[in-house]
Amino acid sequence: MARPASIFPDLVERLGTGTVIAVVGLTAVYLGGFWFLGLVMLIVGTLIWELARMLGAPVRVASQLGLAAAAALGAARILPVGFGLPLLLLAAMAGIALLERNRTLFLSTGSLILMSAFGLLVHRGEFGLTWMLWLVLVVALTDIVGYFAGRLIGGPKFWPRVSPKKTWAGTTAGWVAAGIVGAIFMVATDAGAELIGISVAISMASQMGDIAESAIKRRAGVKDSSNLLPGHGGVMDRFDGMLGAALLLLLVEAVADFPPAPI
């Protein structure tokens, strides 16, 4: 039997960094308003910087794109939607002029990052703290339970060519964890049984975000999006799942009567 240290070689470092991320993130989620906006702007600016660097942009160009994305997100949230949304897309389209290659990949991925982040801000502002915590728990437990289940159970790989460490055991364990979170919030909020299914779908979307980022890293020939977060790699390595989940949540909120009234 493999020793725990060989199964989880970076566990202590991951836990330390993860704890700091959780404390800062949950504090901003709780405070809401400009605190949450500021944190999301910082994350998005870093995500766009990492994306540009992975796709071959010089540091100066990547920094310009990151700053433009953060500023566009802040303006889009403060301004009326009709004026703010074009700024989000303009920040992504700036890569066409500034990048020498991989323009299409930057344009598509950058647009999704910005729209996902905008959706997070709307979700926190319109539906309140409870439903933001629901989203955070679904995404976090999908990742945490999937990580431990995948390492402990092992078994067939999910997509070894793109994500060699991800297993079907870890993937399905993440769905189960998300369903349990949905069941708990269903009881606590009288949201209805469909919340369980929505939670599982959000879990799947978060995993798709993770896989999409893995595909980008494979194409770029890098292991991590950067080395900013010890034990986790880059900021995108940590928040790719939240981006995928937030993107699906935008669609769910548009086509279904969900979430219920803010709590």
C-alpha atoms as a PDB file:
ATOM      1  CA  MET A   1       0.000   0.000   0.000  1.00  0.00           C
ATOM      2  CA  ALA A   2       1.263   3.428  -0.897  1.00  0.00           C
ATOM      3  CA  ARG A   3       2.260   5.667   1.974  1.00  0.00           C
ATOM      4  CA  PRO A   4       0.087   8.765   2.563  1.00  0.00           C
ATOM      5  CA  ALA A   5       3.035  11.030   1.783  1.00  0.00           C
ATOM      6  CA  SER A   6       3.368   9.462  -1.676  1.00  0.00           C
ATOM      7  CA  ILE A   7      -0.366   9.795  -2.373  1.00  0.00           C
ATOM      8  CA  PHE A   8      -0.553  13.406  -1.178  1.00  0.00           C
ATOM      9  CA  PRO A   9       2.975  14.762  -1.735  1.00  0.00           C
ATOM     10  CA  ASP A  10       1.904  18.407  -1.639  1.00  0.00           C
ATOM     11  CA  LEU A  11      -0.873  18.165   0.926  1.00  0.00           C
ATOM     12  CA  VAL A  12       0.622  20.368   3.661  1.00  0.00           C
ATOM     13  CA  GLU A  13       1.495  23.123   1.210  1.00  0.00           C
ATOM     14  CA  ARG A  14      -1.931  22.881  -0.437  1.00  0.00           C
ATOM     15  CA  LEU A  15      -3.686  23.082   2.926  1.00  0.00           C
ATOM     16  CA  GLY A  16      -1.708  26.131   3.998  1.00  0.00           C
ATOM     17  CA  THR A  17      -2.335  28.059   0.797  1.00  0.00           C
ATOM     18  CA  GLY A  18      -5.935  26.843   0.630  1.00  0.00           C
ATOM     19  CA  THR A  19      -6.618  28.073   4.147  1.00  0.00           C
ATOM     20  CA  VAL A  20      -5.382  31.569   3.326  1.00  0.00           C
ATOM     21  CA  ILE A  21      -7.463  31.633   0.133  1.00  0.00           C
ATOM     22  CA  ALA A  22     -10.540  30.442   2.027  1.00  0.00           C
ATOM     23  CA  VAL A  23     -10.211  33.049   4.787  1.00  0.00           C
ATOM     24  CA  VAL A  24      -9.681  35.944   2.372  1.00  0.00           C
ATOM     25  CA  GLY A  25     -12.360  34.743  -0.036  1.00  0.00           C
ATOM     26  CA  LEU A  26     -15.038  34.032   2.560  1.00  0.00           C
ATOM     27  CA  THR A  27     -14.387  37.359   4.278  1.00  0.00           C
ATOM     28  CA  ALA A  28     -14.919  39.199   0.990  1.00  0.00           C
ATOM     29  CA  VAL A  29     -18.017  37.102   0.236  1.00  0.00           C
ATOM     30  CA  TYR A  30     -19.446  37.933   3.663  1.00  0.00           C
ATOM     31  CA  LEU A  31     -18.724  41.663   3.391  1.00  0.00           C
ATOM     32  CA  GLY A  32     -19.973  41.901  -0.189  1.00  0.00           C
ATOM     33  CA  GLY A  33     -20.141  45.276  -1.917  1.00  0.00           C
ATOM     34  CA  PHE A  34     -16.854  46.909  -2.884  1.00  0.00           C
ATOM     35  CA  TRP A  35     -14.858  44.360  -0.848  1.00  0.00           C
ATOM     36  CA  PHE A  36     -16.124  41.502  -2.988  1.00  0.00           C
ATOM     37  CA  LEU A  37     -15.839  43.585  -6.153  1.00  0.00           C
ATOM     38  CA  GLY A  38     -12.229  44.454  -5.337  1.00  0.00           C
ATOM     39  CA  LEU A  39     -11.272  40.824  -4.750  1.00  0.00           C
ATOM     40  CA  VAL A  40     -12.928  39.634  -7.949  1.00  0.00           C
ATOM     41  CA  MET A  41     -11.252  42.434  -9.918  1.00  0.00           C
ATOM     42  CA  LEU A  42      -7.868  41.387  -8.503  1.00  0.00           C
ATOM     43  CA  ILE A  43      -8.494  37.741  -9.362  1.00  0.00           C
ATOM     44  CA  VAL A  44      -9.699  38.511 -12.889  1.00  0.00           C
ATOM     45  CA  GLY A  45      -6.739  40.780 -13.600  1.00  0.00           C
ATOM     46  CA  THR A  46      -4.414  37.987 -12.484  1.00  0.00           C
ATOM     47  CA  LEU A  47      -6.304  35.363 -14.496  1.00  0.00           C
ATOM     48  CA  ILE A  48      -6.026  37.393 -17.687  1.00  0.00           C
ATOM     49  CA  TRP A  49      -2.332  38.036 -16.970  1.00  0.00           C
ATOM     50  CA  GLU A  50      -1.736  34.301 -16.492  1.00  0.00           C
ATOM     51  CA  LEU A  51      -3.684  33.441 -19.642  1.00  0.00           C
ATOM     52  CA  ALA A  52      -1.735  35.917 -21.737  1.00  0.00           C
ATOM     53  CA  ARG A  53       1.585  34.711 -20.333  1.00  0.00           C
ATOM     54  CA  MET A  54       0.684  31.062 -21.032  1.00  0.00           C
ATOM     55  CA  LEU A  55      -0.157  32.014 -24.605  1.00  0.00           C
ATOM     56  CA  GLY A  56       3.212  33.643 -25.156  1.00  0.00           C
ATOM     57  CA  ALA A  57       2.648  37.314 -24.358  1.00  0.00           C
ATOM     58  CA  PRO A  58       5.526  39.339 -22.873  1.00  0.00           C
ATOM     59  CA  VAL A  59       5.148  40.443 -19.257  1.00  0.00           C
ATOM     60  CA  ARG A  60       4.375  44.031 -20.285  1.00  0.00           C
ATOM     61  CA  VAL A  61       1.588  43.024 -22.668  1.00  0.00           C
ATOM     62  CA  ALA A  62       0.145  40.511 -20.216  1.00  0.00           C
ATOM     63  CA  SER A  63       0.143  43.159 -17.494  1.00  0.00           C
ATOM     64  CA  GLN A  64      -1.638  45.654 -19.745  1.00  0.00           C
ATOM     65  CA  LEU A  65      -4.322  43.095 -20.582  1.00  0.00           C
ATOM     66  CA  GLY A  66      -4.740  42.143 -16.924  1.00  0.00           C
ATOM     67  CA  LEU A  67      -5.139  45.744 -15.802  1.00  0.00           C
ATOM     68  CA  ALA A  68      -7.583  46.446 -18.627  1.00  0.00           C
ATOM     69  CA  ALA A  69      -9.674  43.407 -17.691  1.00  0.00           C
ATOM     70  CA  ALA A  70      -9.808  44.342 -14.004  1.00  0.00           C
ATOM     71  CA  ALA A  71     -10.776  47.927 -14.828  1.00  0.00           C
ATOM     72  CA  ALA A  72     -13.418  46.803 -17.326  1.00  0.00           C
ATOM     73  CA  LEU A  73     -14.968  44.449 -14.783  1.00  0.00           C
ATOM     74  CA  GLY A  74     -15.159  47.175 -12.152  1.00  0.00           C
ATOM     75  CA  ALA A  75     -16.716  49.601 -14.602  1.00  0.00           C
ATOM     76  CA  ALA A  76     -19.182  46.990 -15.863  1.00  0.00           C
ATOM     77  CA  ARG A  77     -20.442  46.395 -12.342  1.00  0.00           C
ATOM     78  CA  ILE A  78     -20.740  50.079 -11.449  1.00  0.00           C
ATOM     79  CA  LEU A  79     -22.182  51.355 -14.720  1.00  0.00           C
ATOM     80  CA  PRO A  80     -25.620  50.416 -16.122  1.00  0.00           C
ATOM     81  CA  VAL A  81     -25.452  46.999 -17.779  1.00  0.00           C
ATOM     82  CA  GLY A  82     -25.921  48.403 -21.276  1.00  0.00           C
ATOM     83  CA  PHE A  83     -22.762  50.469 -20.933  1.00  0.00           C
ATOM     84  CA  GLY A  84     -20.764  47.937 -18.914  1.00  0.00           C
ATOM     85  CA  LEU A  85     -21.049  44.788 -21.017  1.00  0.00           C
ATOM     86  CA  PRO A  86     -19.304  46.255 -24.105  1.00  0.00           C
ATOM     87  CA  LEU A  87     -16.346  47.136 -21.887  1.00  0.00           C
ATOM     88  CA  LEU A  88     -16.018  43.506 -20.786  1.00  0.00           C
ATOM     89  CA  LEU A  89     -15.871  42.257 -24.348  1.00  0.00           C
ATOM     90  CA  LEU A  90     -13.559  45.081 -25.406  1.00  0.00           C
ATOM     91  CA  ALA A  91     -11.052  44.022 -22.746  1.00  0.00           C
ATOM     92  CA  ALA A  92     -11.000  40.507 -24.219  1.00  0.00           C
ATOM     93  CA  MET A  93     -10.823  41.810 -27.805  1.00  0.00           C
ATOM     94  CA  ALA A  94      -7.761  43.887 -26.893  1.00  0.00           C
ATOM     95  CA  GLY A  95      -5.777  40.662 -27.114  1.00  0.00           C
ATOM     96  CA  ILE A  96      -6.292  40.649 -30.889  1.00  0.00           C
ATOM     97  CA  ALA A  97      -4.221  43.809 -31.165  1.00  0.00           C
ATOM     98  CA  LEU A  98      -1.632  43.057 -28.495  1.00  0.00           C
ATOM     99  CA  LEU A  99      -0.915  39.345 -28.916  1.00  0.00           C
ATOM    100  CA  GLU A 100       1.242  37.965 -31.715  1.00  0.00           C
ATOM    101  CA  ARG A 101      -0.254  34.454 -31.633  1.00  0.00           C
ATOM    102  CA  ASN A 102      -3.059  32.412 -30.015  1.00  0.00           C
ATOM    103  CA  ARG A 103      -5.412  35.356 -30.486  1.00  0.00           C
ATOM    104  CA  THR A 104      -8.531  33.223 -30.944  1.00  0.00           C
ATOM    105  CA  LEU A 105      -7.842  31.212 -27.805  1.00  0.00           C
ATOM    106  CA  PHE A 106      -7.236  34.365 -25.773  1.00  0.00           C
ATOM    107  CA  LEU A 107     -10.366  36.018 -27.180  1.00  0.00           C
ATOM    108  CA  SER A 108     -12.652  33.088 -26.366  1.00  0.00           C
ATOM    109  CA  THR A 109     -11.160  32.204 -22.993  1.00  0.00           C
ATOM    110  CA  GLY A 110     -10.755  35.813 -21.898  1.00  0.00           C
ATOM    111  CA  SER A 111     -14.376  36.575 -22.777  1.00  0.00           C
ATOM    112  CA  LEU A 112     -15.580  33.597 -20.738  1.00  0.00           C
ATOM    113  CA  ILE A 113     -13.443  34.635 -17.758  1.00  0.00           C
ATOM    114  CA  LEU A 114     -14.853  38.163 -17.786  1.00  0.00           C
ATOM    115  CA  MET A 115     -18.460  37.074 -18.247  1.00  0.00           C
ATOM    116  CA  SER A 116     -18.124  34.457 -15.488  1.00  0.00           C
ATOM    117  CA  ALA A 117     -16.695  37.037 -13.100  1.00  0.00           C
ATOM    118  CA  PHE A 118     -19.476  39.480 -13.939  1.00  0.00           C
ATOM    119  CA  GLY A 119     -21.975  36.705 -13.246  1.00  0.00           C
ATOM    120  CA  LEU A 120     -20.415  36.122  -9.829  1.00  0.00           C
ATOM    121  CA  LEU A 121     -20.788  39.790  -8.946  1.00  0.00           C
ATOM    122  CA  VAL A 122     -24.423  39.815 -10.047  1.00  0.00           C
ATOM    123  CA  HIS A 123     -25.103  36.588  -8.154  1.00  0.00           C
ATOM    124  CA  ARG A 124     -23.722  37.976  -4.888  1.00  0.00           C
ATOM    125  CA  GLY A 125     -25.427  41.318  -5.327  1.00  0.00           C
ATOM    126  CA  GLU A 126     -28.845  40.077  -6.450  1.00  0.00           C
ATOM    127  CA  PHE A 127     -29.297  36.862  -4.499  1.00  0.00           C
ATOM    128  CA  GLY A 128     -27.451  37.463  -1.254  1.00  0.00           C
ATOM    129  CA  LEU A 129     -24.950  35.777   1.001  1.00  0.00           C
ATOM    130  CA  THR A 130     -26.724  32.424   1.404  1.00  0.00           C
ATOM    131  CA  TRP A 131     -26.749  31.579  -2.277  1.00  0.00           C
ATOM    132  CA  MET A 132     -23.190  32.771  -2.722  1.00  0.00           C
ATOM    133  CA  LEU A 133     -22.108  30.413   0.058  1.00  0.00           C
ATOM    134  CA  TRP A 134     -24.045  27.613  -1.644  1.00  0.00           C
ATOM    135  CA  LEU A 135     -22.100  28.192  -4.855  1.00  0.00           C
ATOM    136  CA  VAL A 136     -18.746  28.369  -3.055  1.00  0.00           C
ATOM    137  CA  LEU A 137     -19.451  25.139  -1.151  1.00  0.00           C
ATOM    138  CA  VAL A 138     -20.552  23.257  -4.259  1.00  0.00           C
ATOM    139  CA  VAL A 139     -17.412  24.230  -6.165  1.00  0.00           C
ATOM    140  CA  ALA A 140     -15.020  23.816  -3.224  1.00  0.00           C
ATOM    141  CA  LEU A 141     -16.326  20.401  -2.154  1.00  0.00           C
ATOM    142  CA  THR A 142     -16.388  19.181  -5.748  1.00  0.00           C
ATOM    143  CA  ASP A 143     -12.683  19.918  -5.874  1.00  0.00           C
ATOM    144  CA  ILE A 144     -11.740  18.787  -2.356  1.00  0.00           C
ATOM    145  CA  VAL A 145     -13.744  15.552  -2.283  1.00  0.00           C
ATOM    146  CA  GLY A 146     -12.722  14.780  -5.852  1.00  0.00           C
ATOM    147  CA  TYR A 147      -9.061  15.283  -4.967  1.00  0.00           C
ATOM    148  CA  PHE A 148      -9.097  12.931  -1.998  1.00  0.00           C
ATOM    149  CA  ALA A 149     -11.359  10.321  -3.603  1.00  0.00           C
ATOM    150  CA  GLY A 150      -9.259  10.297  -6.742  1.00  0.00           C
ATOM    151  CA  ARG A 151      -6.023   9.812  -4.827  1.00  0.00           C
ATOM    152  CA  LEU A 152      -7.391   7.221  -2.382  1.00  0.00           C
ATOM    153  CA  ILE A 153      -9.585   5.176  -4.719  1.00  0.00           C
ATOM    154  CA  GLY A 154      -7.723   5.594  -7.988  1.00  0.00           C
ATOM    155  CA  GLY A 155      -9.117   3.611 -10.894  1.00  0.00           C
ATOM    156  CA  PRO A 156      -9.772   4.590 -14.509  1.00  0.00           C
ATOM    157  CA  LYS A 157      -8.633   8.012 -15.607  1.00  0.00           C
ATOM    158  CA  PHE A 158     -11.226  10.548 -16.734  1.00  0.00           C
ATOM    159  CA  TRP A 159      -9.252  12.005 -19.666  1.00  0.00           C
ATOM    160  CA  PRO A 160      -5.583  11.078 -19.270  1.00  0.00           C
ATOM    161  CA  ARG A 161      -4.416  12.908 -22.371  1.00  0.00           C
ATOM    162  CA  VAL A 162      -5.640  16.259 -21.021  1.00  0.00           C
ATOM    163  CA  SER A 163      -5.801  15.778 -17.241  1.00  0.00           C
ATOM    164  CA  PRO A 164      -3.673  12.747 -16.274  1.00  0.00           C
ATOM    165  CA  LYS A 165      -4.453  12.876 -12.541  1.00  0.00           C
ATOM    166  CA  LYS A 166      -8.240  13.158 -12.769  1.00  0.00           C
ATOM    167  CA  THR A 167     -10.100   9.868 -12.241  1.00  0.00           C
ATOM    168  CA  TRP A 168     -13.705   8.794 -12.669  1.00  0.00           C
ATOM    169  CA  ALA A 169     -13.800   8.011  -8.937  1.00  0.00           C
ATOM    170  CA  GLY A 170     -12.850  11.572  -8.027  1.00  0.00           C
ATOM    171  CA  THR A 171     -15.188  13.023 -10.638  1.00  0.00           C
ATOM    172  CA  THR A 172     -18.257  11.137  -9.441  1.00  0.00           C
ATOM    173  CA  ALA A 173     -17.354  11.745  -5.790  1.00  0.00           C
ATOM    174  CA  GLY A 174     -17.463  15.460  -6.549  1.00  0.00           C
ATOM    175  CA  TRP A 175     -20.995  15.061  -7.938  1.00  0.00           C
ATOM    176  CA  VAL A 176     -22.100  13.249  -4.797  1.00  0.00           C
ATOM    177  CA  ALA A 177     -20.604  15.966  -2.580  1.00  0.00           C
ATOM    178  CA  ALA A 178     -22.391  18.647  -4.591  1.00  0.00           C
ATOM    179  CA  GLY A 179     -25.684  16.773  -4.331  1.00  0.00           C
ATOM    180  CA  ILE A 180     -25.313  16.600  -0.558  1.00  0.00           C
ATOM    181  CA  VAL A 181     -24.687  20.357  -0.409  1.00  0.00           C
ATOM    182  CA  GLY A 182     -27.817  20.852  -2.513  1.00  0.00           C
ATOM    183  CA  ALA A 183     -29.865  18.641  -0.188  1.00  0.00           C
ATOM    184  CA  ILE A 184     -28.699  20.579   2.877  1.00  0.00           C
ATOM    185  CA  PHE A 185     -29.577  23.934   1.321  1.00  0.00           C
ATOM    186  CA  MET A 186     -32.884  22.519   0.081  1.00  0.00           C
ATOM    187  CA  VAL A 187     -33.877  21.789   3.669  1.00  0.00           C
ATOM    188  CA  ALA A 188     -32.495  25.069   4.995  1.00  0.00           C
ATOM    189  CA  THR A 189     -34.117  27.299   2.369  1.00  0.00           C
ATOM    190  CA  ASP A 190     -37.215  25.416   1.155  1.00  0.00           C
ATOM    191  CA  ALA A 191     -35.782  25.721  -2.352  1.00  0.00           C
ATOM    192  CA  GLY A 192     -37.256  22.491  -3.687  1.00  0.00           C
ATOM    193  CA  ALA A 193     -35.732  19.175  -4.746  1.00  0.00           C
ATOM    194  CA  GLU A 194     -34.475  20.582  -8.049  1.00  0.00           C
ATOM    195  CA  LEU A 195     -31.708  22.271  -6.076  1.00  0.00           C
ATOM    196  CA  ILE A 196     -29.993  18.876  -5.796  1.00  0.00           C
ATOM    197  CA  GLY A 197     -29.918  18.494  -9.568  1.00  0.00           C
ATOM    198  CA  ILE A 198     -28.794  22.079 -10.087  1.00  0.00           C
ATOM    199  CA  SER A 199     -26.003  21.562  -7.567  1.00  0.00           C
ATOM    200  CA  VAL A 200     -24.773  18.475  -9.432  1.00  0.00           C
ATOM    201  CA  ALA A 201     -24.916  20.366 -12.738  1.00  0.00           C
ATOM    202  CA  ILE A 202     -22.926  23.230 -11.207  1.00  0.00           C
ATOM    203  CA  SER A 203     -20.411  20.644  -9.980  1.00  0.00           C
ATOM    204  CA  MET A 204     -20.092  19.263 -13.504  1.00  0.00           C
ATOM    205  CA  ALA A 205     -19.616  22.767 -14.911  1.00  0.00           C
ATOM    206  CA  SER A 206     -16.854  23.442 -12.393  1.00  0.00           C
ATOM    207  CA  GLN A 207     -15.111  20.231 -13.503  1.00  0.00           C
ATOM    208  CA  MET A 208     -15.470  21.337 -17.124  1.00  0.00           C
ATOM    209  CA  GLY A 209     -13.759  24.587 -16.208  1.00  0.00           C
ATOM    210  CA  ASP A 210     -10.902  22.589 -14.724  1.00  0.00           C
ATOM    211  CA  ILE A 211     -10.630  20.403 -17.824  1.00  0.00           C
ATOM    212  CA  ALA A 212     -10.747  23.397 -20.151  1.00  0.00           C
ATOM    213  CA  GLU A 213      -7.861  25.002 -18.284  1.00  0.00           C
ATOM    214  CA  SER A 214      -5.914  21.732 -18.434  1.00  0.00           C
ATOM    215  CA  ALA A 215      -6.372  21.707 -22.215  1.00  0.00           C
ATOM    216  CA  ILE A 216      -5.048  25.269 -22.455  1.00  0.00           C
ATOM    217  CA  LYS A 217      -2.005  24.338 -20.361  1.00  0.00           C
ATOM    218  CA  ARG A 218      -1.369  21.300 -22.564  1.00  0.00           C
ATOM    219  CA  ARG A 219      -1.443  23.480 -25.643  1.00  0.00           C
ATOM    220  CA  ALA A 220       0.842  26.034 -24.010  1.00  0.00           C
ATOM    221  CA  GLY A 221       3.197  23.318 -22.780  1.00  0.00           C
ATOM    222  CA  VAL A 222       3.100  24.348 -19.115  1.00  0.00           C
ATOM    223  CA  LYS A 223       2.294  22.423 -15.941  1.00  0.00           C
ATOM    224  CA  ASP A 224       0.693  25.312 -14.031  1.00  0.00           C
ATOM    225  CA  SER A 225      -0.784  28.633 -15.075  1.00  0.00           C
ATOM    226  CA  SER A 226       1.875  30.338 -12.903  1.00  0.00           C
ATOM    227  CA  ASN A 227       3.659  29.805  -9.586  1.00  0.00           C
ATOM    228  CA  LEU A 228       1.827  32.438  -7.541  1.00  0.00           C
ATOM    229  CA  LEU A 229       0.089  29.985  -5.170  1.00  0.00           C
ATOM    230  CA  PRO A 230       2.354  27.419  -3.458  1.00  0.00           C
ATOM    231  CA  GLY A 231       0.934  23.906  -3.753  1.00  0.00           C
ATOM    232  CA  HIS A 232      -1.724  25.006  -6.241  1.00  0.00           C
ATOM    233  CA  GLY A 233       0.244  26.554  -9.085  1.00  0.00           C
ATOM    234  CA  GLY A 234      -1.445  29.667 -10.398  1.00  0.00           C
ATOM    235  CA  VAL A 235      -4.615  31.575  -9.651  1.00  0.00           C
ATOM    236  CA  MET A 236      -6.299  30.004 -12.672  1.00  0.00           C
ATOM    237  CA  ASP A 237      -5.438  26.562 -11.326  1.00  0.00           C
ATOM    238  CA  ARG A 238      -7.390  27.469  -8.205  1.00  0.00           C
ATOM    239  CA  PHE A 239     -10.351  29.328  -9.721  1.00  0.00           C
ATOM    240  CA  ASP A 240     -10.952  27.504 -13.025  1.00  0.00           C
ATOM    241  CA  GLY A 241     -13.789  25.509 -11.457  1.00  0.00           C
ATOM    242  CA  MET A 242     -15.516  28.612 -10.129  1.00  0.00           C
ATOM    243  CA  LEU A 243     -15.389  30.172 -13.588  1.00  0.00           C
ATOM    244  CA  GLY A 244     -17.106  27.182 -15.161  1.00  0.00           C
ATOM    245  CA  ALA A 245     -19.714  27.056 -12.415  1.00  0.00           C
ATOM    246  CA  ALA A 246     -20.447  30.787 -12.609  1.00  0.00           C
ATOM    247  CA  LEU A 247     -20.903  30.585 -16.368  1.00  0.00           C
ATOM    248  CA  LEU A 248     -23.540  27.851 -16.059  1.00  0.00           C
ATOM    249  CA  LEU A 249     -25.197  29.708 -13.193  1.00  0.00           C
ATOM    250  CA  LEU A 250     -25.679  32.720 -15.473  1.00  0.00           C
ATOM    251  CA  LEU A 251     -27.697  30.489 -17.807  1.00  0.00           C
ATOM    252  CA  VAL A 252     -29.664  28.842 -14.984  1.00  0.00           C
ATOM    253  CA  GLU A 253     -30.640  32.202 -13.513  1.00  0.00           C
ATOM    254  CA  ALA A 254     -31.779  33.379 -16.937  1.00  0.00           C
ATOM    255  CA  VAL A 255     -34.006  30.396 -17.819  1.00  0.00           C
ATOM    256  CA  ALA A 256     -35.253  29.159 -14.432  1.00  0.00           C
ATOM    257  CA  ASP A 257     -36.811  30.687 -11.337  1.00  0.00           C
ATOM    258  CA  PHE A 258     -33.603  30.160  -9.387  1.00  0.00           C
ATOM    259  CA  PRO A 259     -32.306  31.010  -6.883  1.00  0.00           C
ATOM    260  CA  PRO A 260     -35.314  31.869  -4.755  1.00  0.00           C
ATOM    261  CA  ALA A 261     -35.677  35.323  -3.224  1.00  0.00           C
ATOM    262  CA  PRO A 262     -32.508  36.543  -1.426  1.00  0.00           C
ATOM    263  CA  ILE A 263     -32.097  35.273   2.112  1.00  0.00           C
END
